[in-house]
């Protein structure tokens, strides 16, 4: 099966835009948001949606959130384009109930990018998508694909299915933000701004690795 080039799809979408659109961007942390903000703020009015009840422990969740808040007040592109931030609830039971990991114990020892991670992407993206629909955004996407440890094909398939099952005009923005030097640029921005870069994805199972 031919591998889909999601960056080419994104490039094509951006080339067709004749005016700025409203984008809801699901984000997990400041480092992953950095390049994506720099890149997409040229085309969209962005609202970041922070919904990550998978993150363990709560102190880590709060640290990532506070780092993101502080970054948005310091990063020129975020300031120039008036990027907004929506913070949803933090309840780890949402994560465990949505993924059923407690009952399917084999998922607890999976390597990253497997079924456990797919379910985690899916429930967070669905929550963000629902918010975008209710609040009349034009596009939705997530920063998750910037990580080389995330499966971009699974992420984009989830986005594709969300769009296929909607009756609204909301569109999913395909992406593979690690491409075109995106991941390397995020490292550079993180260094320039002294951002905290976590050493695990977020959930208690990734923390154990």
N, C-alpha and C. Protein backbone atom coordinates (compact mmCIF):
# COMPACT_ATOMS: atom_id res chain seq x y z
N UNK A 1 0.84 -1.19 0.00
CA UNK A 1 0.00 0.00 0.00
C UNK A 1 0.88 1.25 0.00
N UNK A 2 0.56 2.20 -0.90
CA UNK A 2 1.33 3.42 -1.00
C UNK A 2 1.12 4.29 0.24
N UNK A 3 2.21 4.80 0.77
CA UNK A 3 2.14 5.65 1.95
C UNK A 3 1.62 7.02 1.57
N UNK A 4 0.64 7.51 2.33
CA UNK A 4 0.03 8.80 2.03
C UNK A 4 0.95 9.93 2.52
N UNK A 5 1.15 10.92 1.69
CA UNK A 5 1.96 12.08 2.05
C UNK A 5 1.02 13.18 2.57
N UNK A 6 0.85 13.21 3.88
CA UNK A 6 -0.09 14.16 4.47
C UNK A 6 0.41 15.60 4.38
N UNK A 7 1.72 15.78 4.31
CA UNK A 7 2.25 17.13 4.14
C UNK A 7 1.83 17.71 2.80
N UNK A 8 1.82 16.90 1.75
CA UNK A 8 1.39 17.37 0.43
C UNK A 8 -0.08 17.75 0.45
N UNK A 9 -0.88 16.97 1.17
CA UNK A 9 -2.31 17.29 1.29
C UNK A 9 -2.48 18.63 2.00
N UNK A 10 -1.71 18.82 3.06
CA UNK A 10 -1.77 20.08 3.79
C UNK A 10 -1.33 21.25 2.91
N UNK A 11 -0.24 21.07 2.20
CA UNK A 11 0.24 22.12 1.31
C UNK A 11 -0.84 22.52 0.30
N UNK A 12 -1.53 21.53 -0.25
CA UNK A 12 -2.58 21.80 -1.24
C UNK A 12 -3.73 22.56 -0.61
N UNK A 13 -4.12 22.15 0.61
CA UNK A 13 -5.22 22.84 1.29
C UNK A 13 -4.86 24.29 1.55
N UNK A 14 -3.67 24.52 2.06
CA UNK A 14 -3.25 25.88 2.38
C UNK A 14 -3.18 26.75 1.13
N UNK A 15 -2.81 26.15 0.01
CA UNK A 15 -2.68 26.91 -1.24
C UNK A 15 -4.03 27.37 -1.78
N UNK A 16 -5.11 26.73 -1.34
CA UNK A 16 -6.44 27.08 -1.84
C UNK A 16 -7.14 28.13 -0.98
N UNK A 17 -6.57 28.43 0.20
CA UNK A 17 -7.23 29.39 1.09
C UNK A 17 -7.09 30.80 0.55
N UNK A 18 -8.21 31.49 0.45
CA UNK A 18 -8.21 32.86 -0.06
C UNK A 18 -8.42 33.89 1.05
N UNK A 19 -8.71 33.40 2.25
CA UNK A 19 -8.88 34.28 3.41
C UNK A 19 -8.57 33.49 4.66
N UNK A 20 -8.32 34.18 5.76
CA UNK A 20 -8.02 33.51 7.02
C UNK A 20 -9.27 32.78 7.53
N UNK A 21 -9.06 31.58 8.02
CA UNK A 21 -10.14 30.76 8.56
C UNK A 21 -9.93 30.55 10.05
N UNK A 22 -10.99 30.13 10.73
CA UNK A 22 -10.91 29.83 12.15
C UNK A 22 -10.50 28.37 12.34
N UNK A 23 -9.43 28.16 13.10
CA UNK A 23 -8.90 26.81 13.34
C UNK A 23 -8.90 26.50 14.83
N UNK A 24 -9.45 25.36 15.20
CA UNK A 24 -9.28 24.84 16.56
C UNK A 24 -8.15 23.84 16.53
N UNK A 25 -7.13 24.11 17.32
CA UNK A 25 -5.91 23.28 17.33
C UNK A 25 -5.79 22.57 18.66
N UNK A 26 -6.02 21.26 18.66
CA UNK A 26 -5.79 20.50 19.88
C UNK A 26 -4.28 20.44 20.12
N UNK A 27 -3.87 20.70 21.36
CA UNK A 27 -2.44 20.71 21.69
C UNK A 27 -2.19 20.02 23.01
N UNK A 28 -1.02 19.41 23.13
CA UNK A 28 -0.67 18.65 24.32
C UNK A 28 0.39 19.34 25.17
N UNK A 29 1.13 20.30 24.59
CA UNK A 29 2.20 20.96 25.34
C UNK A 29 2.76 22.11 24.52
N UNK A 30 3.58 22.92 25.13
CA UNK A 30 4.18 24.07 24.44
C UNK A 30 5.16 23.66 23.34
N UNK A 31 6.10 22.73 23.59
CA UNK A 31 7.04 22.37 22.54
C UNK A 31 6.37 21.86 21.26
N UNK A 32 5.35 21.02 21.41
CA UNK A 32 4.67 20.50 20.22
C UNK A 32 3.85 21.58 19.52
N UNK A 33 3.42 22.59 20.27
CA UNK A 33 2.63 23.68 19.70
C UNK A 33 3.48 24.68 18.95
N UNK A 34 4.75 24.79 19.33
CA UNK A 34 5.59 25.91 18.89
C UNK A 34 5.67 26.06 17.37
N UNK A 35 6.18 25.05 16.69
CA UNK A 35 6.31 25.14 15.24
C UNK A 35 4.95 25.20 14.57
N UNK A 36 3.98 24.46 15.09
CA UNK A 36 2.66 24.43 14.48
C UNK A 36 2.03 25.82 14.50
N UNK A 37 2.19 26.53 15.62
CA UNK A 37 1.70 27.91 15.71
C UNK A 37 2.43 28.79 14.69
N UNK A 38 3.74 28.68 14.66
CA UNK A 38 4.54 29.48 13.73
C UNK A 38 4.10 29.26 12.29
N UNK A 39 3.82 28.04 11.96
CA UNK A 39 3.46 27.63 10.60
C UNK A 39 2.03 28.04 10.24
N UNK A 40 1.06 27.62 11.06
CA UNK A 40 -0.34 27.77 10.70
C UNK A 40 -0.91 29.16 10.97
N UNK A 41 -0.25 29.93 11.81
CA UNK A 41 -0.77 31.27 12.09
C UNK A 41 -0.68 32.18 10.87
N UNK A 42 0.03 31.76 9.85
CA UNK A 42 0.06 32.51 8.59
C UNK A 42 -1.24 32.37 7.81
N UNK A 43 -2.04 31.37 8.16
CA UNK A 43 -3.24 31.06 7.39
C UNK A 43 -4.54 31.10 8.21
N UNK A 44 -4.41 30.94 9.53
CA UNK A 44 -5.59 30.75 10.35
C UNK A 44 -5.59 31.67 11.58
N UNK A 45 -6.80 31.96 12.04
CA UNK A 45 -6.97 32.51 13.38
C UNK A 45 -7.12 31.31 14.31
N UNK A 46 -6.15 31.10 15.18
CA UNK A 46 -6.03 29.85 15.93
C UNK A 46 -6.53 29.99 17.36
N UNK A 47 -7.31 29.00 17.76
CA UNK A 47 -7.62 28.79 19.18
C UNK A 47 -7.05 27.43 19.57
N UNK A 48 -6.23 27.41 20.60
CA UNK A 48 -5.67 26.15 21.09
C UNK A 48 -6.64 25.53 22.09
N UNK A 49 -6.84 24.24 21.95
CA UNK A 49 -7.75 23.49 22.82
C UNK A 49 -6.91 22.48 23.61
N UNK A 50 -6.81 22.71 24.91
CA UNK A 50 -5.97 21.86 25.76
C UNK A 50 -6.87 20.88 26.50
N UNK A 51 -6.92 19.66 25.98
CA UNK A 51 -7.68 18.59 26.62
C UNK A 51 -6.82 17.34 26.65
N UNK A 52 -6.25 17.04 27.83
CA UNK A 52 -5.27 15.96 27.94
C UNK A 52 -5.36 15.24 29.29
N UNK A 53 -6.51 14.62 29.60
CA UNK A 53 -6.63 13.92 30.87
C UNK A 53 -5.86 12.61 30.93
N UNK A 54 -5.16 12.28 29.85
CA UNK A 54 -4.27 11.13 29.85
C UNK A 54 -2.98 11.41 30.63
N UNK A 55 -2.64 12.68 30.83
CA UNK A 55 -1.35 13.03 31.42
C UNK A 55 -1.32 12.68 32.91
N UNK A 56 -0.25 12.01 33.30
CA UNK A 56 -0.06 11.54 34.68
C UNK A 56 1.35 11.93 35.14
N UNK A 57 1.47 12.40 36.38
CA UNK A 57 0.44 12.71 37.37
C UNK A 57 -0.13 14.11 37.11
N UNK A 58 -1.04 14.55 37.97
CA UNK A 58 -1.67 15.86 37.77
C UNK A 58 -0.64 16.99 37.79
N UNK A 59 0.39 16.85 38.58
CA UNK A 59 1.43 17.88 38.63
C UNK A 59 2.10 18.06 37.27
N UNK A 60 2.25 16.94 36.54
CA UNK A 60 2.83 17.01 35.19
C UNK A 60 1.86 17.71 34.23
N UNK A 61 0.59 17.38 34.37
CA UNK A 61 -0.45 18.03 33.56
C UNK A 61 -0.39 19.54 33.78
N UNK A 62 -0.34 19.96 35.03
CA UNK A 62 -0.32 21.39 35.35
C UNK A 62 0.96 22.05 34.85
N UNK A 63 2.06 21.35 34.95
CA UNK A 63 3.32 21.93 34.48
C UNK A 63 3.29 22.19 32.98
N UNK A 64 2.76 21.24 32.23
CA UNK A 64 2.68 21.40 30.78
C UNK A 64 1.71 22.53 30.42
N UNK A 65 0.60 22.60 31.15
CA UNK A 65 -0.38 23.65 30.88
C UNK A 65 0.21 25.03 31.18
N UNK A 66 0.85 25.18 32.31
CA UNK A 66 1.42 26.48 32.67
C UNK A 66 2.53 26.88 31.70
N UNK A 67 3.29 25.91 31.23
CA UNK A 67 4.34 26.21 30.24
C UNK A 67 3.72 26.70 28.94
N UNK A 68 2.62 26.08 28.54
CA UNK A 68 1.93 26.51 27.33
C UNK A 68 1.37 27.92 27.48
N UNK A 69 0.73 28.19 28.61
CA UNK A 69 0.19 29.53 28.86
C UNK A 69 1.28 30.58 28.79
N UNK A 70 2.40 30.31 29.45
CA UNK A 70 3.50 31.27 29.47
C UNK A 70 4.09 31.47 28.08
N UNK A 71 4.21 30.38 27.33
CA UNK A 71 4.77 30.45 25.98
C UNK A 71 3.92 31.34 25.08
N UNK A 72 2.61 31.25 25.20
CA UNK A 72 1.72 32.04 24.35
C UNK A 72 1.86 33.54 24.61
N UNK A 73 2.32 33.91 25.79
CA UNK A 73 2.52 35.33 26.10
C UNK A 73 3.89 35.83 25.67
N UNK A 74 4.77 34.91 25.23
CA UNK A 74 6.14 35.27 24.88
C UNK A 74 6.46 35.06 23.41
N UNK A 75 5.75 34.17 22.74
CA UNK A 75 6.09 33.80 21.38
C UNK A 75 5.52 34.83 20.41
N UNK A 76 6.37 35.50 19.62
CA UNK A 76 5.90 36.59 18.75
C UNK A 76 4.70 36.23 17.87
N UNK A 77 4.73 35.06 17.24
CA UNK A 77 3.63 34.69 16.35
C UNK A 77 2.31 34.54 17.12
N UNK A 78 2.39 34.04 18.35
CA UNK A 78 1.18 33.89 19.16
C UNK A 78 0.63 35.24 19.57
N UNK A 79 1.53 36.17 19.87
CA UNK A 79 1.12 37.52 20.27
C UNK A 79 0.55 38.29 19.09
N UNK A 80 1.26 38.25 17.96
CA UNK A 80 0.85 38.99 16.76
C UNK A 80 -0.52 38.58 16.25
N UNK A 81 -0.83 37.29 16.34
CA UNK A 81 -2.09 36.78 15.79
C UNK A 81 -3.14 36.53 16.86
N UNK A 82 -2.84 36.93 18.10
CA UNK A 82 -3.81 36.86 19.20
C UNK A 82 -4.37 35.44 19.38
N UNK A 83 -3.47 34.49 19.51
CA UNK A 83 -3.91 33.10 19.69
C UNK A 83 -4.57 32.94 21.05
N UNK A 84 -5.70 32.26 21.04
CA UNK A 84 -6.48 32.05 22.26
C UNK A 84 -6.26 30.64 22.79
N UNK A 85 -6.61 30.43 24.05
CA UNK A 85 -6.43 29.12 24.69
C UNK A 85 -7.71 28.73 25.42
N UNK A 86 -8.22 27.55 25.11
CA UNK A 86 -9.35 26.95 25.82
C UNK A 86 -8.82 25.76 26.61
N UNK A 87 -9.08 25.73 27.91
CA UNK A 87 -8.65 24.62 28.76
C UNK A 87 -9.87 23.83 29.19
N UNK A 88 -9.94 22.58 28.77
CA UNK A 88 -11.04 21.69 29.14
C UNK A 88 -10.71 21.02 30.48
N UNK A 89 -11.61 20.18 30.95
CA UNK A 89 -11.48 19.57 32.28
C UNK A 89 -10.36 18.54 32.34
N UNK A 90 -9.89 18.31 33.55
CA UNK A 90 -8.89 17.27 33.79
C UNK A 90 -9.49 16.23 34.73
N UNK A 91 -9.83 15.09 34.17
CA UNK A 91 -10.37 13.96 34.93
C UNK A 91 -9.80 12.70 34.31
N UNK A 92 -8.87 12.07 35.00
CA UNK A 92 -8.19 10.90 34.43
C UNK A 92 -9.15 9.74 34.17
N UNK A 93 -10.30 9.73 34.84
CA UNK A 93 -11.28 8.67 34.58
C UNK A 93 -11.80 8.76 33.15
N UNK A 94 -11.84 9.96 32.59
CA UNK A 94 -12.23 10.10 31.19
C UNK A 94 -11.30 9.29 30.29
N UNK A 95 -10.02 9.37 30.59
CA UNK A 95 -9.02 8.64 29.81
C UNK A 95 -9.19 7.13 29.97
N UNK A 96 -9.29 6.67 31.21
CA UNK A 96 -9.40 5.23 31.44
C UNK A 96 -10.71 4.66 30.89
N UNK A 97 -11.80 5.39 31.03
CA UNK A 97 -13.08 4.91 30.53
C UNK A 97 -13.11 4.86 29.01
N UNK A 98 -12.53 5.86 28.37
CA UNK A 98 -12.55 5.93 26.91
C UNK A 98 -11.67 4.88 26.27
N UNK A 99 -10.56 4.53 26.92
CA UNK A 99 -9.60 3.61 26.32
C UNK A 99 -9.75 2.16 26.80
N UNK A 100 -10.43 1.96 27.92
CA UNK A 100 -10.66 0.62 28.48
C UNK A 100 -9.36 -0.12 28.81
N UNK A 101 -8.32 0.63 29.11
CA UNK A 101 -7.00 0.03 29.33
C UNK A 101 -6.94 -0.78 30.62
N UNK A 102 -7.70 -0.39 31.62
CA UNK A 102 -7.69 -1.15 32.87
C UNK A 102 -8.17 -2.57 32.66
N UNK A 103 -9.13 -2.75 31.76
CA UNK A 103 -9.68 -4.09 31.52
C UNK A 103 -8.89 -4.88 30.49
N UNK A 104 -8.30 -4.21 29.54
CA UNK A 104 -7.49 -4.88 28.52
C UNK A 104 -6.02 -4.70 28.90
N UNK A 105 -5.61 -5.50 29.85
CA UNK A 105 -4.30 -5.29 30.48
C UNK A 105 -3.13 -5.43 29.51
N UNK A 106 -3.33 -6.14 28.42
CA UNK A 106 -2.25 -6.31 27.47
C UNK A 106 -1.85 -4.96 26.84
N UNK A 107 -2.78 -4.01 26.84
CA UNK A 107 -2.48 -2.70 26.28
C UNK A 107 -1.53 -1.89 27.17
N UNK A 108 -1.47 -2.25 28.43
CA UNK A 108 -0.67 -1.48 29.38
C UNK A 108 0.83 -1.59 29.12
N UNK A 109 1.24 -2.67 28.49
CA UNK A 109 2.67 -2.89 28.23
C UNK A 109 3.03 -2.70 26.75
N UNK A 110 2.08 -2.23 25.97
CA UNK A 110 2.35 -1.97 24.55
C UNK A 110 3.41 -0.90 24.37
N UNK A 111 4.14 -1.01 23.29
CA UNK A 111 5.04 0.06 22.90
C UNK A 111 4.22 1.24 22.38
N UNK A 112 4.79 2.42 22.42
CA UNK A 112 4.09 3.60 21.91
C UNK A 112 3.78 3.42 20.43
N UNK A 113 2.66 4.01 20.00
CA UNK A 113 2.14 3.99 18.62
C UNK A 113 1.21 2.81 18.37
N UNK A 114 0.88 2.03 19.41
CA UNK A 114 -0.02 0.90 19.25
C UNK A 114 -1.47 1.26 19.48
N UNK A 115 -2.27 0.25 19.81
CA UNK A 115 -3.71 0.43 20.00
C UNK A 115 -4.02 1.35 21.17
N UNK A 116 -3.26 1.24 22.25
CA UNK A 116 -3.49 2.12 23.41
C UNK A 116 -3.39 3.59 22.99
N UNK A 117 -2.34 3.90 22.25
CA UNK A 117 -2.13 5.27 21.82
C UNK A 117 -3.22 5.72 20.84
N UNK A 118 -3.62 4.83 19.95
CA UNK A 118 -4.67 5.17 18.99
C UNK A 118 -5.95 5.57 19.72
N UNK A 119 -6.32 4.82 20.74
CA UNK A 119 -7.53 5.14 21.49
C UNK A 119 -7.39 6.47 22.21
N UNK A 120 -6.20 6.75 22.67
CA UNK A 120 -5.94 8.02 23.36
C UNK A 120 -6.05 9.19 22.39
N UNK A 121 -5.45 9.05 21.18
CA UNK A 121 -5.60 10.10 20.18
C UNK A 121 -7.09 10.34 19.92
N UNK A 122 -7.79 9.23 19.74
CA UNK A 122 -9.17 9.28 19.26
C UNK A 122 -10.10 10.01 20.24
N UNK A 123 -9.99 9.70 21.53
CA UNK A 123 -10.96 10.30 22.44
C UNK A 123 -10.65 11.77 22.68
N UNK A 124 -9.39 12.16 22.63
CA UNK A 124 -9.06 13.58 22.78
C UNK A 124 -9.44 14.37 21.53
N UNK A 125 -9.18 13.80 20.37
CA UNK A 125 -9.55 14.48 19.12
C UNK A 125 -11.05 14.60 18.98
N UNK A 126 -11.80 13.58 19.40
CA UNK A 126 -13.26 13.64 19.32
C UNK A 126 -13.81 14.75 20.21
N UNK A 127 -13.26 14.89 21.39
CA UNK A 127 -13.70 15.94 22.32
C UNK A 127 -13.45 17.31 21.69
N UNK A 128 -12.27 17.49 21.13
CA UNK A 128 -11.93 18.76 20.50
C UNK A 128 -12.80 19.02 19.27
N UNK A 129 -13.01 17.98 18.48
CA UNK A 129 -13.86 18.12 17.29
C UNK A 129 -15.26 18.57 17.68
N UNK A 130 -15.82 17.99 18.71
CA UNK A 130 -17.17 18.36 19.16
C UNK A 130 -17.22 19.83 19.56
N UNK A 131 -16.17 20.29 20.23
CA UNK A 131 -16.12 21.70 20.62
C UNK A 131 -16.05 22.59 19.37
N UNK A 132 -15.24 22.19 18.41
CA UNK A 132 -15.10 22.98 17.19
C UNK A 132 -16.43 23.06 16.43
N UNK A 133 -17.15 21.96 16.38
CA UNK A 133 -18.46 21.94 15.73
C UNK A 133 -19.44 22.89 16.41
N UNK A 134 -19.52 22.80 17.72
CA UNK A 134 -20.48 23.61 18.47
C UNK A 134 -20.18 25.09 18.41
N UNK A 135 -18.92 25.43 18.13
CA UNK A 135 -18.52 26.82 18.16
C UNK A 135 -18.13 27.37 16.78
N UNK A 136 -18.58 26.69 15.75
CA UNK A 136 -18.53 27.19 14.37
C UNK A 136 -17.12 27.49 13.86
N UNK A 137 -16.19 26.59 14.14
CA UNK A 137 -14.86 26.71 13.55
C UNK A 137 -14.90 26.18 12.12
N UNK A 138 -13.96 26.66 11.31
CA UNK A 138 -13.87 26.20 9.93
C UNK A 138 -13.07 24.92 9.80
N UNK A 139 -11.99 24.82 10.61
CA UNK A 139 -11.08 23.68 10.54
C UNK A 139 -10.72 23.20 11.94
N UNK A 140 -10.32 21.94 11.99
CA UNK A 140 -9.79 21.35 13.22
C UNK A 140 -8.58 20.50 12.89
N UNK A 141 -7.57 20.55 13.75
CA UNK A 141 -6.44 19.62 13.67
C UNK A 141 -5.78 19.51 15.04
N UNK A 142 -4.72 18.72 15.11
CA UNK A 142 -4.02 18.49 16.37
C UNK A 142 -2.51 18.59 16.15
N UNK A 143 -1.80 18.96 17.21
CA UNK A 143 -0.34 19.04 17.13
C UNK A 143 0.33 17.67 17.22
N UNK A 144 -0.42 16.62 17.50
CA UNK A 144 0.15 15.31 17.81
C UNK A 144 1.10 14.79 16.74
N UNK A 145 0.83 15.10 15.48
CA UNK A 145 1.64 14.51 14.41
C UNK A 145 3.05 15.09 14.33
N UNK A 146 3.37 16.10 15.13
CA UNK A 146 4.73 16.64 15.07
C UNK A 146 5.75 15.70 15.71
N UNK A 147 5.28 14.81 16.57
CA UNK A 147 6.20 13.91 17.27
C UNK A 147 6.59 12.72 16.41
N UNK A 148 7.88 12.40 16.34
CA UNK A 148 8.30 11.19 15.62
C UNK A 148 7.84 9.91 16.32
N UNK A 149 7.33 10.04 17.54
CA UNK A 149 6.84 8.88 18.29
C UNK A 149 5.33 8.68 18.14
N UNK A 150 4.70 9.51 17.30
CA UNK A 150 3.26 9.40 17.07
C UNK A 150 3.01 8.90 15.66
N UNK A 151 1.95 8.11 15.51
CA UNK A 151 1.60 7.52 14.22
C UNK A 151 0.70 8.49 13.44
N UNK A 152 1.28 9.20 12.49
CA UNK A 152 0.53 10.20 11.73
C UNK A 152 -0.61 9.59 10.92
N UNK A 153 -0.41 8.38 10.43
CA UNK A 153 -1.46 7.72 9.65
C UNK A 153 -2.69 7.48 10.52
N UNK A 154 -2.48 7.01 11.74
CA UNK A 154 -3.61 6.78 12.65
C UNK A 154 -4.28 8.09 13.03
N UNK A 155 -3.49 9.11 13.29
CA UNK A 155 -4.04 10.41 13.66
C UNK A 155 -4.90 10.97 12.54
N UNK A 156 -4.41 10.92 11.32
CA UNK A 156 -5.16 11.47 10.19
C UNK A 156 -6.36 10.63 9.82
N UNK A 157 -6.28 9.33 10.05
CA UNK A 157 -7.44 8.47 9.81
C UNK A 157 -8.56 8.83 10.78
N UNK A 158 -8.22 9.10 12.02
CA UNK A 158 -9.23 9.52 13.00
C UNK A 158 -9.88 10.83 12.55
N UNK A 159 -9.06 11.78 12.14
CA UNK A 159 -9.59 13.05 11.66
C UNK A 159 -10.49 12.87 10.45
N UNK A 160 -10.10 12.01 9.54
CA UNK A 160 -10.89 11.71 8.35
C UNK A 160 -12.25 11.14 8.72
N UNK A 161 -12.27 10.24 9.71
CA UNK A 161 -13.52 9.62 10.14
C UNK A 161 -14.42 10.62 10.87
N UNK A 162 -13.82 11.50 11.64
CA UNK A 162 -14.61 12.54 12.32
C UNK A 162 -15.32 13.41 11.28
N UNK A 163 -14.60 13.78 10.24
CA UNK A 163 -15.23 14.60 9.20
C UNK A 163 -16.29 13.83 8.43
N UNK A 164 -16.03 12.57 8.17
CA UNK A 164 -16.98 11.75 7.41
C UNK A 164 -18.30 11.56 8.15
N UNK A 165 -18.25 11.59 9.48
CA UNK A 165 -19.44 11.32 10.28
C UNK A 165 -20.15 12.58 10.76
N UNK A 166 -19.77 13.74 10.24
CA UNK A 166 -20.41 14.97 10.68
C UNK A 166 -21.40 15.47 9.65
N UNK A 167 -22.36 16.26 10.11
CA UNK A 167 -23.30 16.92 9.21
C UNK A 167 -23.01 18.42 9.14
N UNK A 168 -21.97 18.84 9.84
CA UNK A 168 -21.61 20.26 9.85
C UNK A 168 -20.62 20.56 8.73
N UNK A 169 -20.23 21.83 8.62
CA UNK A 169 -19.28 22.24 7.59
C UNK A 169 -17.83 22.20 8.07
N UNK A 170 -17.62 21.74 9.29
CA UNK A 170 -16.27 21.66 9.85
C UNK A 170 -15.40 20.71 9.02
N UNK A 171 -14.16 21.14 8.77
CA UNK A 171 -13.22 20.34 7.99
C UNK A 171 -12.02 19.93 8.84
N UNK A 172 -11.54 18.73 8.60
CA UNK A 172 -10.32 18.27 9.26
C UNK A 172 -9.12 18.68 8.42
N UNK A 173 -8.11 19.25 9.08
CA UNK A 173 -6.90 19.67 8.39
C UNK A 173 -5.85 18.56 8.53
N UNK A 174 -5.61 17.85 7.44
CA UNK A 174 -4.60 16.79 7.43
C UNK A 174 -3.23 17.38 7.73
N UNK A 175 -2.40 16.59 8.41
CA UNK A 175 -1.09 17.13 8.76
C UNK A 175 -0.10 16.01 9.05
N UNK A 176 1.15 16.36 8.90
CA UNK A 176 2.26 15.57 9.42
C UNK A 176 3.33 16.59 9.75
N UNK A 177 3.14 17.27 10.88
CA UNK A 177 3.91 18.46 11.19
C UNK A 177 5.40 18.21 11.41
N UNK A 178 5.78 16.95 11.56
CA UNK A 178 7.21 16.66 11.70
C UNK A 178 7.97 16.86 10.38
N UNK A 179 7.23 16.87 9.26
CA UNK A 179 7.84 17.02 7.94
C UNK A 179 8.28 18.46 7.70
N UNK A 180 9.03 18.66 6.64
CA UNK A 180 9.56 19.98 6.27
C UNK A 180 10.38 20.58 7.40
N UNK A 181 11.02 19.71 8.18
CA UNK A 181 11.84 20.17 9.28
C UNK A 181 11.06 20.66 10.48
N UNK A 182 9.77 20.29 10.54
CA UNK A 182 8.91 20.78 11.61
C UNK A 182 9.34 20.36 13.00
N UNK A 183 9.70 19.08 13.14
CA UNK A 183 10.12 18.60 14.46
C UNK A 183 11.42 19.27 14.87
N UNK A 184 12.36 19.39 13.94
CA UNK A 184 13.64 20.04 14.25
C UNK A 184 13.43 21.51 14.61
N UNK A 185 12.50 22.17 13.91
CA UNK A 185 12.20 23.56 14.23
C UNK A 185 11.59 23.68 15.63
N UNK A 186 10.76 22.71 16.01
CA UNK A 186 10.18 22.74 17.36
C UNK A 186 11.27 22.61 18.43
N UNK A 187 12.29 21.82 18.14
CA UNK A 187 13.42 21.70 19.06
C UNK A 187 14.17 23.02 19.18
N UNK A 188 14.34 23.70 18.05
CA UNK A 188 15.05 24.97 18.06
C UNK A 188 14.27 26.02 18.84
N UNK A 189 12.97 26.11 18.60
CA UNK A 189 12.14 27.08 19.32
C UNK A 189 12.16 26.77 20.81
N UNK A 190 12.06 25.49 21.15
CA UNK A 190 12.08 25.09 22.56
C UNK A 190 13.37 25.54 23.23
N UNK A 191 14.48 25.39 22.52
CA UNK A 191 15.77 25.81 23.08
C UNK A 191 15.84 27.33 23.21
N UNK A 192 15.36 28.02 22.18
CA UNK A 192 15.41 29.48 22.18
C UNK A 192 14.60 30.08 23.33
N UNK A 193 13.47 29.43 23.65
CA UNK A 193 12.58 29.97 24.69
C UNK A 193 12.70 29.22 26.02
N UNK A 194 13.65 28.29 26.09
CA UNK A 194 13.87 27.58 27.34
C UNK A 194 12.68 26.77 27.79
N UNK A 195 11.99 26.14 26.83
CA UNK A 195 10.77 25.40 27.16
C UNK A 195 11.08 24.07 27.84
N UNK A 196 10.24 23.70 28.76
CA UNK A 196 10.32 22.39 29.39
C UNK A 196 9.89 21.33 28.39
N UNK A 197 10.77 20.38 28.11
CA UNK A 197 10.47 19.27 27.21
C UNK A 197 10.41 17.99 28.04
N UNK A 198 9.23 17.45 28.15
CA UNK A 198 9.01 16.25 28.94
C UNK A 198 9.71 15.05 28.30
N UNK A 199 10.05 14.04 29.11
CA UNK A 199 10.76 12.88 28.58
C UNK A 199 9.86 11.65 28.44
N UNK A 200 8.55 11.86 28.51
CA UNK A 200 7.60 10.77 28.20
C UNK A 200 6.33 11.40 27.64
N UNK A 201 5.55 10.59 26.95
CA UNK A 201 4.38 11.11 26.24
C UNK A 201 3.38 11.75 27.18
N UNK A 202 2.99 11.02 28.24
CA UNK A 202 2.02 11.61 29.15
C UNK A 202 1.34 10.64 30.09
N UNK A 203 0.89 9.50 29.59
CA UNK A 203 0.12 8.59 30.42
C UNK A 203 1.03 7.80 31.37
N UNK A 204 0.42 7.19 32.35
CA UNK A 204 1.18 6.45 33.35
C UNK A 204 1.95 5.30 32.73
N UNK A 205 1.44 4.74 31.63
CA UNK A 205 2.11 3.62 30.99
C UNK A 205 3.32 4.07 30.19
N UNK A 206 3.24 5.22 29.57
CA UNK A 206 4.41 5.75 28.86
C UNK A 206 5.47 6.22 29.85
N UNK A 207 5.02 6.64 31.03
CA UNK A 207 5.95 7.09 32.08
C UNK A 207 6.82 5.94 32.58
N UNK A 208 6.29 4.73 32.53
CA UNK A 208 7.01 3.56 33.04
C UNK A 208 8.11 3.10 32.11
N UNK A 209 8.04 3.53 30.81
CA UNK A 209 8.99 3.03 29.81
C UNK A 209 10.39 3.59 30.06
